[in-house]
Protein backbone atom coordinates (compact mmCIF):
# COMPACT_ATOMS: atom_id res chain seq x y z
CA MET A 1 72.75 226.89 99.30
CA ASN A 2 69.02 227.49 98.98
CA SER A 3 66.98 225.24 96.77
CA VAL A 4 67.75 226.12 93.19
CA SER A 5 65.54 225.09 90.33
CA GLN A 6 67.60 222.90 88.00
CA ASP A 7 65.40 223.68 84.99
CA ARG A 8 65.94 227.45 85.01
CA LEU A 9 68.23 228.81 82.33
CA TYR A 10 69.00 232.20 83.85
CA TYR A 11 69.09 233.89 87.25
CA ARG A 12 69.10 237.64 87.87
CA ILE A 13 71.82 239.13 90.03
CA GLY A 14 69.43 239.55 92.99
CA GLU A 15 68.49 235.88 92.82
CA VAL A 16 72.15 234.85 92.61
CA SER A 17 72.86 237.08 95.60
CA ARG A 18 70.11 235.43 97.66
CA ILE A 19 71.14 231.90 96.61
CA THR A 20 74.86 232.36 97.24
CA GLY A 21 74.78 234.85 100.11
CA ILE A 22 77.10 237.15 98.12
CA LYS A 23 76.11 240.81 97.78
CA PRO A 24 75.49 242.12 94.24
CA HIS A 25 78.43 244.55 94.35
CA VAL A 26 80.74 241.66 95.29
CA LEU A 27 79.34 239.59 92.42
CA ARG A 28 80.07 242.45 90.01
CA TYR A 29 83.60 242.75 91.43
CA TRP A 30 84.20 239.02 91.07
CA GLU A 31 82.96 239.27 87.50
CA SER A 32 85.74 241.78 86.79
CA GLU A 33 88.38 239.65 88.56
CA PHE A 34 87.34 236.18 87.41
CA LYS A 35 86.94 236.36 83.64
CA VAL A 36 85.28 232.93 83.63
CA ILE A 37 82.16 234.44 85.21
CA LYS A 38 80.37 235.71 82.15
CA PRO A 39 76.73 236.53 82.76
CA HIS A 40 74.67 237.11 79.68
CA LYS A 41 73.42 240.65 79.33
CA GLY A 42 70.02 240.82 77.72
CA ILE A 43 68.48 243.69 75.82
CA SER A 44 67.86 245.47 79.12
CA LEU A 45 71.60 245.01 79.93
CA GLN A 46 70.58 243.19 83.10
CA ARG A 47 73.00 240.46 84.12
CA LEU A 48 71.60 236.99 83.60
CA TYR A 49 73.66 234.24 85.21
CA ARG A 50 73.53 230.62 84.05
CA ARG A 51 73.67 227.59 86.32
CA LYS A 52 77.34 227.22 85.32
CA ASP A 53 78.04 230.76 86.60
CA LEU A 54 76.18 230.03 89.82
CA ASP A 55 78.25 226.89 90.43
CA LEU A 56 81.43 228.81 89.74
CA ILE A 57 80.44 231.61 92.13
CA LEU A 58 79.83 229.05 94.86
CA LYS A 59 83.24 227.48 94.15
CA ILE A 60 84.93 230.90 94.38
CA LYS A 61 83.07 231.65 97.61
CA ARG A 62 84.31 228.37 99.10
CA LEU A 63 87.91 229.08 98.01
CA LEU A 64 87.90 232.61 99.41
CA TYR A 65 85.82 232.29 102.55
CA GLU A 66 86.29 228.70 103.67
CA GLU A 67 89.70 227.71 102.33
CA GLY A 68 91.35 231.11 102.85
CA PHE A 69 92.59 231.70 99.31
CA THR A 70 93.47 235.21 98.18
CA ILE A 71 91.83 236.56 95.01
CA SER A 72 94.97 235.79 92.98
CA GLY A 73 95.25 232.34 94.56
CA ALA A 74 91.60 231.61 93.80
CA LYS A 75 92.12 232.77 90.21
CA ARG A 76 95.01 230.33 89.82
CA LYS A 77 93.01 227.52 91.39
CA ILE A 78 90.00 228.16 89.13
CA ARG A 79 92.29 228.34 86.08
CA ASP A 80 94.00 225.08 87.06
CA LEU A 81 90.64 223.38 87.66
CA GLY A 82 89.47 224.59 84.25
CA ARG A 83 92.58 223.22 82.57
CA ALA A 84 92.18 219.88 84.32
CA GLU A 85 88.54 219.76 83.22
CA ASN A 86 89.55 220.56 79.63
CA ARG A 87 92.14 217.77 79.65
CA LYS A 88 89.54 215.38 81.03
CA MET A 89 87.02 216.38 78.35
CA LYS A 90 89.64 215.99 75.61
CA SER A 91 90.60 212.54 76.81
CA MET A 92 86.93 211.57 76.95
CA GLY A 93 86.57 212.89 73.41
CA THR A 94 89.39 210.72 72.14
CA GLU A 95 87.86 207.70 73.85
CA LYS A 96 84.54 208.47 72.18
CA ARG A 97 86.20 208.83 68.79
CA SER A 98 87.34 205.25 69.00
CA ASN A 99 83.69 204.41 68.48
CA GLY A 100 83.16 205.28 64.80
CA LYS A 101 79.39 205.67 65.18
CA ASP A 102 79.75 208.41 67.79
CA HIS A 103 82.29 210.25 65.67
CA GLU A 104 80.09 210.02 62.57
CA LEU A 105 77.11 211.28 64.53
CA LEU A 106 79.07 214.28 65.80
CA LEU A 107 80.25 215.10 62.28
CA THR A 108 76.67 214.92 61.01
CA ILE A 109 75.40 217.15 63.81
CA ARG A 110 78.19 219.65 63.16
CA GLU A 111 77.32 219.84 59.47
CA GLU A 112 73.63 220.29 60.25
CA LEU A 113 74.43 223.09 62.68
CA ARG A 114 76.60 224.80 60.07
CA GLY A 115 73.70 224.60 57.63
CA ILE A 116 71.33 226.14 60.16
CA ARG A 117 73.83 228.90 60.87
CA LYS A 118 74.07 229.66 57.13
CA MET A 119 70.28 229.84 56.84
CA LEU A 120 70.12 232.26 59.77
CA GLY A 121 72.69 234.51 58.14
């Protein structure tokens, strides 16, 4: 992969194409097949990919082109990896909750965010 700036929030489809070596029409196709690739569409309706999307595209590319998965096999693999990651995050969350200070902090942050959301309408 080319050097990718870690501080960028969004990448346009042409940039993602250059970074990953995947043509834009293939990226759009993968977007329709792999529902986990969800580029943000700005006011101009131009696709704006996040770093998370970029990492996922590279993972899909590896599964399809290097490991020989089919599209449906790669979908299952990505889904299974996502589930495993969710289980890992949940278990980490329960470990964190054992520390009362962390749990209280999260509750406070959540309430503050709800207040901000109310103010914004």
